[in-house]
C-alpha atoms as a PDB file:
ATOM      1  CA  MET A   1      19.835 -70.402 -28.539  1.00  0.00           C
ATOM      2  CA  VAL A   2      23.456 -69.446 -29.192  1.00  0.00           C
ATOM      3  CA  ARG A   3      25.079 -66.680 -27.123  1.00  0.00           C
ATOM      4  CA  ALA A   4      28.185 -64.819 -28.231  1.00  0.00           C
ATOM      5  CA  ILE A   5      30.289 -61.959 -26.972  1.00  0.00           C
ATOM      6  CA  ILE A   6      31.761 -59.564 -29.529  1.00  0.00           C
ATOM      7  CA  LEU A   7      34.654 -57.371 -28.428  1.00  0.00           C
ATOM      8  CA  VAL A   8      34.888 -54.120 -30.395  1.00  0.00           C
ATOM      9  CA  LYS A   9      37.905 -51.846 -30.865  1.00  0.00           C
ATOM     10  CA  SER A  10      36.816 -48.318 -31.742  1.00  0.00           C
ATOM     11  CA  PRO A  11      37.994 -44.885 -30.607  1.00  0.00           C
ATOM     12  CA  LYS A  12      34.407 -43.613 -30.907  1.00  0.00           C
ATOM     13  CA  LYS A  13      33.179 -42.647 -27.441  1.00  0.00           C
ATOM     14  CA  LEU A  14      29.565 -43.712 -27.977  1.00  0.00           C
ATOM     15  CA  ILE A  15      30.259 -47.005 -29.763  1.00  0.00           C
ATOM     16  CA  ALA A  16      28.472 -49.064 -27.060  1.00  0.00           C
ATOM     17  CA  ALA A  17      25.292 -47.010 -27.502  1.00  0.00           C
ATOM     18  CA  ARG A  18      25.515 -47.441 -31.276  1.00  0.00           C
ATOM     19  CA  LEU A  19      25.907 -51.200 -30.893  1.00  0.00           C
ATOM     20  CA  ARG A  20      22.696 -51.440 -28.826  1.00  0.00           C
ATOM     21  CA  LYS A  21      20.746 -50.202 -31.849  1.00  0.00           C
ATOM     22  CA  ILE A  22      21.670 -53.305 -33.864  1.00  0.00           C
ATOM     23  CA  ASN A  23      19.005 -55.994 -33.947  1.00  0.00           C
ATOM     24  CA  LYS A  24      19.924 -59.131 -31.937  1.00  0.00           C
ATOM     25  CA  ILE A  25      22.355 -57.315 -29.621  1.00  0.00           C
ATOM     26  CA  SER A  26      20.836 -57.803 -26.189  1.00  0.00           C
ATOM     27  CA  ASP A  27      23.402 -55.728 -24.285  1.00  0.00           C
ATOM     28  CA  SER A  28      26.397 -53.529 -24.965  1.00  0.00           C
ATOM     29  CA  PHE A  29      28.668 -51.592 -22.669  1.00  0.00           C
ATOM     30  CA  PRO A  30      32.015 -49.781 -22.723  1.00  0.00           C
ATOM     31  CA  VAL A  31      35.053 -51.537 -21.211  1.00  0.00           C
ATOM     32  CA  SER A  32      38.626 -50.643 -20.428  1.00  0.00           C
ATOM     33  CA  GLY A  33      41.600 -52.508 -21.811  1.00  0.00           C
ATOM     34  CA  GLN A  34      42.507 -53.663 -25.294  1.00  0.00           C
ATOM     35  CA  PHE A  35      38.907 -53.302 -26.553  1.00  0.00           C
ATOM     36  CA  ASP A  36      36.499 -50.401 -26.115  1.00  0.00           C
ATOM     37  CA  ALA A  37      33.091 -52.085 -26.000  1.00  0.00           C
ATOM     38  CA  VAL A  38      31.413 -55.456 -25.572  1.00  0.00           C
ATOM     39  CA  ALA A  39      28.278 -56.593 -27.378  1.00  0.00           C
ATOM     40  CA  VAL A  40      26.246 -59.577 -26.157  1.00  0.00           C
ATOM     41  CA  ILE A  41      24.138 -61.360 -28.752  1.00  0.00           C
ATOM     42  CA  ASP A  42      21.637 -64.199 -28.617  1.00  0.00           C
ATOM     43  CA  VAL A  43      20.752 -65.888 -31.903  1.00  0.00           C
ATOM     44  CA  LYS A  44      18.915 -69.015 -32.972  1.00  0.00           C
ATOM     45  CA  ILE A  45      21.493 -70.263 -35.468  1.00  0.00           C
ATOM     46  CA  LEU A  46      25.264 -69.949 -35.494  1.00  0.00           C
ATOM     47  CA  SER A  47      25.429 -68.367 -38.963  1.00  0.00           C
ATOM     48  CA  GLU A  48      23.611 -65.252 -37.687  1.00  0.00           C
ATOM     49  CA  ILE A  49      26.695 -64.343 -35.651  1.00  0.00           C
ATOM     50  CA  LYS A  50      28.680 -63.674 -38.822  1.00  0.00           C
ATOM     51  CA  ASP A  51      25.948 -61.357 -40.143  1.00  0.00           C
ATOM     52  CA  ILE A  52      25.890 -59.320 -36.931  1.00  0.00           C
ATOM     53  CA  THR A  53      29.685 -59.165 -36.765  1.00  0.00           C
ATOM     54  CA  THR A  54      29.804 -57.909 -40.350  1.00  0.00           C
ATOM     55  CA  GLU A  55      27.222 -55.220 -39.505  1.00  0.00           C
ATOM     56  CA  ILE A  56      29.351 -54.092 -36.554  1.00  0.00           C
ATOM     57  CA  GLN A  57      32.496 -53.977 -38.695  1.00  0.00           C
ATOM     58  CA  LEU A  58      30.739 -51.665 -41.163  1.00  0.00           C
ATOM     59  CA  ILE A  59      30.200 -49.002 -38.469  1.00  0.00           C
ATOM     60  CA  SER A  60      32.427 -46.009 -39.083  1.00  0.00           C
ATOM     61  CA  GLY A  61      35.355 -46.031 -36.671  1.00  0.00           C
ATOM     62  CA  VAL A  62      35.317 -49.737 -35.821  1.00  0.00           C
ATOM     63  CA  GLU A  63      38.903 -50.927 -36.158  1.00  0.00           C
ATOM     64  CA  ARG A  64      38.449 -54.609 -35.347  1.00  0.00           C
ATOM     65  CA  THR A  65      36.294 -57.163 -33.567  1.00  0.00           C
ATOM     66  CA  GLU A  66      36.843 -60.442 -31.798  1.00  0.00           C
ATOM     67  CA  THR A  67      34.023 -62.922 -31.274  1.00  0.00           C
ATOM     68  CA  MET A  68      33.709 -65.500 -28.528  1.00  0.00           C
ATOM     69  CA  ILE A  69      30.914 -68.080 -28.625  1.00  0.00           C
ATOM     70  CA  GLU A  70      29.550 -69.503 -25.393  1.00  0.00           C
ATOM     71  CA  VAL A  71      30.347 -73.197 -24.988  1.00  0.00           C
ATOM     72  CA  GLN A  72      27.845 -75.325 -23.112  1.00  0.00           C
END
């Protein structure tokens, strides 16, 4: 299993709730600072991360994302 954290910049107030509706996102919550929300994903293969990130970037109001993959 591969775990990744996706940081999301979006002025939309309910972006974290919207992220939780995406398949494979196990948790999402608002944060303060440079980004507005965090999405936690668990996938079987690394290439799935790109698909989920692309889906997030297509949400209206998402300005940018940054992905961090857990290193074991």
